[in-house]
Amino acid sequence: MRTGGTVRAGRVSATREQILTAAERLFAEHGVFAVSNRQVSEAAGQGNNAAVGYHFGTKTDLVRAIARRHAEQIERGRLRMAAEIADPTDVRDWVACLVRPVTDHLDALGTPTWFARFGAQVMTDPVLREIMVEESLCSPSLRQTLDGLNRCLPELPVEVRAERNDMAGQLMAHMCAERERALAEGIPTPRRSWHGAATGLIDALVGLWLAPVTKGRR
């Protein structure tokens, strides 16, 4: 038999999920700062316009909560892939560890999804981008993957490594967002599946990481 406290906890959890789902969709479609807490509350079916602040605090706290909502599934997939790498000197295997856990997660969510577009919106804002970076640095599997990738590229200058890391992050975020948008709108995509899209993205990122470095880069 459920107690009053258990029932209330269940309602609170359900309300939080409704808010997260509504916020993720609205942020993905319109941008984080173009959407008010009131709009999120209304989209979540909450009569109280202060519901977002009550459950999550500030808008940055809400963005962080959305990111964490998806982190566990992606983390599990990446840990599994990293454990299965047979050749730790293969750049492609480590790049695949970056890409496929994300695309597999988006695939598992079904259509439509909003997480990729939400991520791309966040990546364009310097303040919010830091939240995503901080959350990423809390991921053991991501740190393991980046360490493995770095070990494969010992001759790459530090500044070039940092530059290409930023390029890779932006390419991943925006290519996944564009595919997600196309699927939601029924627009044809270059690849038939998320698995195929991941393969193309991995090919491009391997080329990016292994590209020659021009001397006298300034």
C-alpha atoms as a PDB file:
ATOM      1  CA  MET A   1       0.000   0.000   0.000  1.00  0.00           C
ATOM      2  CA  ARG A   2       1.417   3.396  -0.982  1.00  0.00           C
ATOM      3  CA  THR A   3       1.783   5.992   1.744  1.00  0.00           C
ATOM      4  CA  GLY A   4       0.970   9.659   1.306  1.00  0.00           C
ATOM      5  CA  GLY A   5       4.668  10.474   1.109  1.00  0.00           C
ATOM      6  CA  THR A   6       5.239   7.899  -1.619  1.00  0.00           C
ATOM      7  CA  VAL A   7       2.322   9.237  -3.647  1.00  0.00           C
ATOM      8  CA  ARG A   8       3.599  12.802  -3.327  1.00  0.00           C
ATOM      9  CA  ALA A   9       7.133  11.755  -4.322  1.00  0.00           C
ATOM     10  CA  GLY A  10       5.712  10.055  -7.389  1.00  0.00           C
ATOM     11  CA  ARG A  11       3.804  13.177  -8.375  1.00  0.00           C
ATOM     12  CA  VAL A  12       6.874  15.355  -7.902  1.00  0.00           C
ATOM     13  CA  SER A  13       8.943  12.997 -10.056  1.00  0.00           C
ATOM     14  CA  ALA A  14       6.283  12.989 -12.778  1.00  0.00           C
ATOM     15  CA  THR A  15       6.075  16.778 -12.719  1.00  0.00           C
ATOM     16  CA  ARG A  16       9.836  17.107 -13.029  1.00  0.00           C
ATOM     17  CA  GLU A  17       9.851  14.758 -16.026  1.00  0.00           C
ATOM     18  CA  GLN A  18       7.069  16.732 -17.711  1.00  0.00           C
ATOM     19  CA  ILE A  19       9.000  19.956 -17.206  1.00  0.00           C
ATOM     20  CA  LEU A  20      12.239  18.448 -18.516  1.00  0.00           C
ATOM     21  CA  THR A  21      10.516  17.087 -21.617  1.00  0.00           C
ATOM     22  CA  ALA A  22       8.791  20.397 -22.356  1.00  0.00           C
ATOM     23  CA  ALA A  23      11.937  22.446 -21.743  1.00  0.00           C
ATOM     24  CA  GLU A  24      14.100  20.216 -23.913  1.00  0.00           C
ATOM     25  CA  ARG A  25      11.663  20.496 -26.815  1.00  0.00           C
ATOM     26  CA  LEU A  26      11.179  24.253 -26.525  1.00  0.00           C
ATOM     27  CA  PHE A  27      14.887  24.969 -26.055  1.00  0.00           C
ATOM     28  CA  ALA A  28      15.695  22.773 -29.058  1.00  0.00           C
ATOM     29  CA  GLU A  29      13.170  24.461 -31.306  1.00  0.00           C
ATOM     30  CA  HIS A  30      13.518  28.095 -30.215  1.00  0.00           C
ATOM     31  CA  GLY A  31      16.753  28.517 -28.256  1.00  0.00           C
ATOM     32  CA  VAL A  32      17.286  28.563 -24.519  1.00  0.00           C
ATOM     33  CA  PHE A  33      16.986  32.304 -23.906  1.00  0.00           C
ATOM     34  CA  ALA A  34      14.039  32.758 -26.258  1.00  0.00           C
ATOM     35  CA  VAL A  35      11.894  30.560 -24.000  1.00  0.00           C
ATOM     36  CA  SER A  36      10.575  31.755 -20.643  1.00  0.00           C
ATOM     37  CA  ASN A  37       9.967  29.639 -17.557  1.00  0.00           C
ATOM     38  CA  ARG A  38       6.294  30.466 -17.945  1.00  0.00           C
ATOM     39  CA  GLN A  39       6.234  28.973 -21.442  1.00  0.00           C
ATOM     40  CA  VAL A  40       7.944  25.823 -20.161  1.00  0.00           C
ATOM     41  CA  SER A  41       5.440  25.525 -17.311  1.00  0.00           C
ATOM     42  CA  GLU A  42       2.493  25.929 -19.688  1.00  0.00           C
ATOM     43  CA  ALA A  43       3.907  23.386 -22.157  1.00  0.00           C
ATOM     44  CA  ALA A  44       4.401  20.961 -19.268  1.00  0.00           C
ATOM     45  CA  GLY A  45       0.757  21.341 -18.267  1.00  0.00           C
ATOM     46  CA  GLN A  46       1.546  23.112 -15.023  1.00  0.00           C
ATOM     47  CA  GLY A  47      -0.970  25.680 -13.811  1.00  0.00           C
ATOM     48  CA  ASN A  48       1.642  27.276 -11.580  1.00  0.00           C
ATOM     49  CA  ASN A  49       3.966  29.463 -13.633  1.00  0.00           C
ATOM     50  CA  ALA A  50       6.599  29.202 -10.898  1.00  0.00           C
ATOM     51  CA  ALA A  51       6.828  25.420 -11.282  1.00  0.00           C
ATOM     52  CA  VAL A  52      10.130  25.526 -13.175  1.00  0.00           C
ATOM     53  CA  GLY A  53      11.835  27.647 -10.549  1.00  0.00           C
ATOM     54  CA  TYR A  54      10.370  25.573  -7.734  1.00  0.00           C
ATOM     55  CA  HIS A  55      11.612  22.263  -9.141  1.00  0.00           C
ATOM     56  CA  PHE A  56      14.884  23.317 -10.792  1.00  0.00           C
ATOM     57  CA  GLY A  57      15.944  26.801  -9.696  1.00  0.00           C
ATOM     58  CA  THR A  58      17.569  28.897 -12.425  1.00  0.00           C
ATOM     59  CA  LYS A  59      17.487  28.323 -16.167  1.00  0.00           C
ATOM     60  CA  THR A  60      21.108  27.148 -16.063  1.00  0.00           C
ATOM     61  CA  ASP A  61      20.098  24.571 -13.452  1.00  0.00           C
ATOM     62  CA  LEU A  62      17.365  23.403 -15.805  1.00  0.00           C
ATOM     63  CA  VAL A  63      19.837  23.101 -18.692  1.00  0.00           C
ATOM     64  CA  ARG A  64      22.144  21.056 -16.479  1.00  0.00           C
ATOM     65  CA  ALA A  65      19.259  18.773 -15.473  1.00  0.00           C
ATOM     66  CA  ILE A  66      18.364  18.120 -19.124  1.00  0.00           C
ATOM     67  CA  ALA A  67      21.978  17.212 -19.904  1.00  0.00           C
ATOM     68  CA  ARG A  68      22.130  14.842 -16.933  1.00  0.00           C
ATOM     69  CA  ARG A  69      18.851  13.242 -17.965  1.00  0.00           C
ATOM     70  CA  HIS A  70      20.586  11.705 -20.976  1.00  0.00           C
ATOM     71  CA  ALA A  71      24.066  11.213 -19.535  1.00  0.00           C
ATOM     72  CA  GLU A  72      23.585   7.811 -17.909  1.00  0.00           C
ATOM     73  CA  GLN A  73      22.555   5.984 -21.087  1.00  0.00           C
ATOM     74  CA  ILE A  74      25.381   7.559 -23.088  1.00  0.00           C
ATOM     75  CA  GLU A  75      27.878   6.764 -20.333  1.00  0.00           C
ATOM     76  CA  ARG A  76      26.911   3.087 -20.248  1.00  0.00           C
ATOM     77  CA  GLY A  77      27.263   2.765 -24.001  1.00  0.00           C
ATOM     78  CA  ARG A  78      30.653   4.468 -24.075  1.00  0.00           C
ATOM     79  CA  LEU A  79      32.043   2.392 -21.197  1.00  0.00           C
ATOM     80  CA  ARG A  80      30.974  -0.763 -22.996  1.00  0.00           C
ATOM     81  CA  MET A  81      32.568   0.324 -26.279  1.00  0.00           C
ATOM     82  CA  ALA A  82      35.809   1.393 -24.614  1.00  0.00           C
ATOM     83  CA  ALA A  83      36.058  -1.968 -22.866  1.00  0.00           C
ATOM     84  CA  GLU A  84      35.690  -3.769 -26.210  1.00  0.00           C
ATOM     85  CA  ILE A  85      38.476  -1.916 -28.039  1.00  0.00           C
ATOM     86  CA  ALA A  86      40.918  -4.511 -29.310  1.00  0.00           C
ATOM     87  CA  ASP A  87      43.626  -2.171 -30.629  1.00  0.00           C
ATOM     88  CA  PRO A  88      44.191   0.852 -28.358  1.00  0.00           C
ATOM     89  CA  THR A  89      46.389   2.472 -31.016  1.00  0.00           C
ATOM     90  CA  ASP A  90      43.542   2.707 -33.560  1.00  0.00           C
ATOM     91  CA  VAL A  91      42.292   6.298 -33.827  1.00  0.00           C
ATOM     92  CA  ARG A  92      39.057   5.160 -35.457  1.00  0.00           C
ATOM     93  CA  ASP A  93      38.080   2.984 -32.491  1.00  0.00           C
ATOM     94  CA  TRP A  94      38.436   5.887 -30.077  1.00  0.00           C
ATOM     95  CA  VAL A  95      36.564   8.262 -32.388  1.00  0.00           C
ATOM     96  CA  ALA A  96      33.782   5.683 -32.617  1.00  0.00           C
ATOM     97  CA  CYS A  97      33.661   5.730 -28.805  1.00  0.00           C
ATOM     98  CA  LEU A  98      32.988   9.448 -28.987  1.00  0.00           C
ATOM     99  CA  VAL A  99      30.260   9.247 -31.609  1.00  0.00           C
ATOM    100  CA  ARG A 100      28.288   6.005 -31.448  1.00  0.00           C
ATOM    101  CA  PRO A 101      27.086   6.164 -27.818  1.00  0.00           C
ATOM    102  CA  VAL A 102      25.430   9.485 -28.650  1.00  0.00           C
ATOM    103  CA  THR A 103      23.878   8.401 -31.948  1.00  0.00           C
ATOM    104  CA  ASP A 104      22.803   5.059 -30.469  1.00  0.00           C
ATOM    105  CA  HIS A 105      21.056   6.949 -27.670  1.00  0.00           C
ATOM    106  CA  LEU A 106      19.278   9.245 -30.124  1.00  0.00           C
ATOM    107  CA  ASP A 107      18.228   6.202 -32.154  1.00  0.00           C
ATOM    108  CA  ALA A 108      16.859   4.474 -29.051  1.00  0.00           C
ATOM    109  CA  LEU A 109      14.748   7.525 -28.159  1.00  0.00           C
ATOM    110  CA  GLY A 110      12.719   7.175 -31.351  1.00  0.00           C
ATOM    111  CA  THR A 111      11.353  10.009 -33.494  1.00  0.00           C
ATOM    112  CA  PRO A 112      10.952  12.856 -32.881  1.00  0.00           C
ATOM    113  CA  THR A 113      13.791  13.655 -30.510  1.00  0.00           C
ATOM    114  CA  TRP A 114      15.063  17.031 -29.331  1.00  0.00           C
ATOM    115  CA  PHE A 115      18.252  16.283 -27.416  1.00  0.00           C
ATOM    116  CA  ALA A 116      20.667  16.818 -30.329  1.00  0.00           C
ATOM    117  CA  ARG A 117      19.115  20.180 -31.227  1.00  0.00           C
ATOM    118  CA  PHE A 118      19.084  21.154 -27.568  1.00  0.00           C
ATOM    119  CA  GLY A 119      22.801  20.348 -27.400  1.00  0.00           C
ATOM    120  CA  ALA A 120      23.546  22.396 -30.505  1.00  0.00           C
ATOM    121  CA  GLN A 121      21.653  25.381 -29.107  1.00  0.00           C
ATOM    122  CA  VAL A 122      23.588  25.153 -25.850  1.00  0.00           C
ATOM    123  CA  MET A 123      26.926  24.840 -27.665  1.00  0.00           C
ATOM    124  CA  THR A 124      26.404  28.219 -29.341  1.00  0.00           C
ATOM    125  CA  ASP A 125      26.184  30.097 -26.026  1.00  0.00           C
ATOM    126  CA  PRO A 126      29.490  30.643 -24.160  1.00  0.00           C
ATOM    127  CA  VAL A 127      27.943  30.440 -20.668  1.00  0.00           C
ATOM    128  CA  LEU A 128      25.728  27.439 -21.315  1.00  0.00           C
ATOM    129  CA  ARG A 129      28.483  25.705 -23.261  1.00  0.00           C
ATOM    130  CA  GLU A 130      30.557  25.687 -20.088  1.00  0.00           C
ATOM    131  CA  ILE A 131      27.786  23.741 -18.371  1.00  0.00           C
ATOM    132  CA  MET A 132      27.936  21.043 -21.025  1.00  0.00           C
ATOM    133  CA  VAL A 133      31.730  20.960 -20.819  1.00  0.00           C
ATOM    134  CA  GLU A 134      31.610  20.638 -17.029  1.00  0.00           C
ATOM    135  CA  GLU A 135      29.087  17.828 -17.257  1.00  0.00           C
ATOM    136  CA  SER A 136      31.206  16.067 -19.871  1.00  0.00           C
ATOM    137  CA  LEU A 137      34.295  16.248 -17.668  1.00  0.00           C
ATOM    138  CA  CYS A 138      32.359  14.344 -15.005  1.00  0.00           C
ATOM    139  CA  SER A 139      32.098  11.393 -17.396  1.00  0.00           C
ATOM    140  CA  PRO A 140      34.729   8.685 -16.704  1.00  0.00           C
ATOM    141  CA  SER A 141      34.114   7.096 -20.100  1.00  0.00           C
ATOM    142  CA  LEU A 142      34.664  10.361 -21.961  1.00  0.00           C
ATOM    143  CA  ARG A 143      37.911  11.036 -20.117  1.00  0.00           C
ATOM    144  CA  GLN A 144      39.039   7.479 -20.904  1.00  0.00           C
ATOM    145  CA  THR A 145      38.134   7.931 -24.572  1.00  0.00           C
ATOM    146  CA  LEU A 146      39.921  11.272 -24.922  1.00  0.00           C
ATOM    147  CA  ASP A 147      42.987   9.884 -23.142  1.00  0.00           C
ATOM    148  CA  GLY A 148      43.020   6.939 -25.553  1.00  0.00           C
ATOM    149  CA  LEU A 149      42.673   9.242 -28.548  1.00  0.00           C
ATOM    150  CA  ASN A 150      45.457  11.513 -27.298  1.00  0.00           C
ATOM    151  CA  ARG A 151      47.796   8.550 -26.875  1.00  0.00           C
ATOM    152  CA  CYS A 152      47.256   7.732 -30.550  1.00  0.00           C
ATOM    153  CA  LEU A 153      48.376  11.226 -31.587  1.00  0.00           C
ATOM    154  CA  PRO A 154      51.552  11.924 -29.590  1.00  0.00           C
ATOM    155  CA  GLU A 155      53.078  14.196 -32.253  1.00  0.00           C
ATOM    156  CA  LEU A 156      50.092  16.522 -32.472  1.00  0.00           C
ATOM    157  CA  PRO A 157      50.971  19.949 -30.980  1.00  0.00           C
ATOM    158  CA  VAL A 158      48.976  20.879 -27.873  1.00  0.00           C
ATOM    159  CA  GLU A 159      47.356  23.933 -29.460  1.00  0.00           C
ATOM    160  CA  VAL A 160      46.355  21.953 -32.565  1.00  0.00           C
ATOM    161  CA  ARG A 161      44.955  19.183 -30.381  1.00  0.00           C
ATOM    162  CA  ALA A 162      42.796  21.741 -28.531  1.00  0.00           C
ATOM    163  CA  GLU A 163      41.660  23.310 -31.803  1.00  0.00           C
ATOM    164  CA  ARG A 164      40.669  19.983 -33.344  1.00  0.00           C
ATOM    165  CA  ASN A 165      38.928  18.923 -30.158  1.00  0.00           C
ATOM    166  CA  ASP A 166      36.707  22.012 -30.472  1.00  0.00           C
ATOM    167  CA  MET A 167      36.137  21.289 -34.169  1.00  0.00           C
ATOM    168  CA  ALA A 168      35.155  17.699 -33.393  1.00  0.00           C
ATOM    169  CA  GLY A 169      32.699  18.771 -30.707  1.00  0.00           C
ATOM    170  CA  GLN A 170      31.034  21.320 -32.955  1.00  0.00           C
ATOM    171  CA  LEU A 171      30.830  18.909 -35.887  1.00  0.00           C
ATOM    172  CA  MET A 172      29.275  16.198 -33.739  1.00  0.00           C
ATOM    173  CA  ALA A 173      26.765  18.566 -32.154  1.00  0.00           C
ATOM    174  CA  HIS A 174      25.578  20.224 -35.335  1.00  0.00           C
ATOM    175  CA  MET A 175      25.542  17.188 -37.631  1.00  0.00           C
ATOM    176  CA  CYS A 176      23.457  15.244 -35.110  1.00  0.00           C
ATOM    177  CA  ALA A 177      21.169  18.256 -34.674  1.00  0.00           C
ATOM    178  CA  GLU A 178      20.660  18.632 -38.428  1.00  0.00           C
ATOM    179  CA  ARG A 179      19.783  14.969 -38.828  1.00  0.00           C
ATOM    180  CA  GLU A 180      17.410  15.119 -35.872  1.00  0.00           C
ATOM    181  CA  ARG A 181      15.694  18.191 -37.333  1.00  0.00           C
ATOM    182  CA  ALA A 182      15.340  16.550 -40.742  1.00  0.00           C
ATOM    183  CA  LEU A 183      13.826  13.414 -39.230  1.00  0.00           C
ATOM    184  CA  ALA A 184      11.359  15.462 -37.181  1.00  0.00           C
ATOM    185  CA  GLU A 185      10.287  17.403 -40.282  1.00  0.00           C
ATOM    186  CA  GLY A 186      10.184  14.398 -42.613  1.00  0.00           C
ATOM    187  CA  ILE A 187      13.032  15.681 -44.789  1.00  0.00           C
ATOM    188  CA  PRO A 188      15.248  13.114 -46.578  1.00  0.00           C
ATOM    189  CA  THR A 189      18.643  12.536 -44.950  1.00  0.00           C
ATOM    190  CA  PRO A 190      21.976  11.525 -46.540  1.00  0.00           C
ATOM    191  CA  ARG A 191      22.076   8.327 -44.459  1.00  0.00           C
ATOM    192  CA  ARG A 192      19.147   6.021 -43.851  1.00  0.00           C
ATOM    193  CA  SER A 193      19.906   5.284 -40.203  1.00  0.00           C
ATOM    194  CA  TRP A 194      21.596   6.762 -37.164  1.00  0.00           C
ATOM    195  CA  HIS A 195      24.143   3.952 -37.452  1.00  0.00           C
ATOM    196  CA  GLY A 196      24.989   5.039 -40.981  1.00  0.00           C
ATOM    197  CA  ALA A 197      25.106   8.700 -39.961  1.00  0.00           C
ATOM    198  CA  ALA A 198      27.539   7.783 -37.201  1.00  0.00           C
ATOM    199  CA  THR A 199      29.763   5.959 -39.693  1.00  0.00           C
ATOM    200  CA  GLY A 200      29.957   9.034 -41.914  1.00  0.00           C
ATOM    201  CA  LEU A 201      30.678  11.273 -38.948  1.00  0.00           C
ATOM    202  CA  ILE A 202      33.406   8.923 -37.700  1.00  0.00           C
ATOM    203  CA  ASP A 203      35.008   8.916 -41.164  1.00  0.00           C
ATOM    204  CA  ALA A 204      35.088  12.721 -41.172  1.00  0.00           C
ATOM    205  CA  LEU A 205      36.434  13.014 -37.632  1.00  0.00           C
ATOM    206  CA  VAL A 206      39.191  10.479 -38.236  1.00  0.00           C
ATOM    207  CA  GLY A 207      40.252  12.571 -41.227  1.00  0.00           C
ATOM    208  CA  LEU A 208      40.153  15.702 -39.073  1.00  0.00           C
ATOM    209  CA  TRP A 209      42.317  14.217 -36.328  1.00  0.00           C
ATOM    210  CA  LEU A 210      44.840  12.687 -38.745  1.00  0.00           C
ATOM    211  CA  ALA A 211      45.089  15.690 -41.074  1.00  0.00           C
ATOM    212  CA  PRO A 212      48.629  17.060 -41.542  1.00  0.00           C
ATOM    213  CA  VAL A 213      49.626  20.145 -39.581  1.00  0.00           C
ATOM    214  CA  THR A 214      50.875  23.058 -41.683  1.00  0.00           C
ATOM    215  CA  LYS A 215      54.107  24.583 -40.410  1.00  0.00           C
ATOM    216  CA  GLY A 216      54.033  28.276 -39.638  1.00  0.00           C
ATOM    217  CA  ARG A 217      50.343  28.043 -38.687  1.00  0.00           C
ATOM    218  CA  ARG A 218      50.146  31.696 -37.666  1.00  0.00           C
END
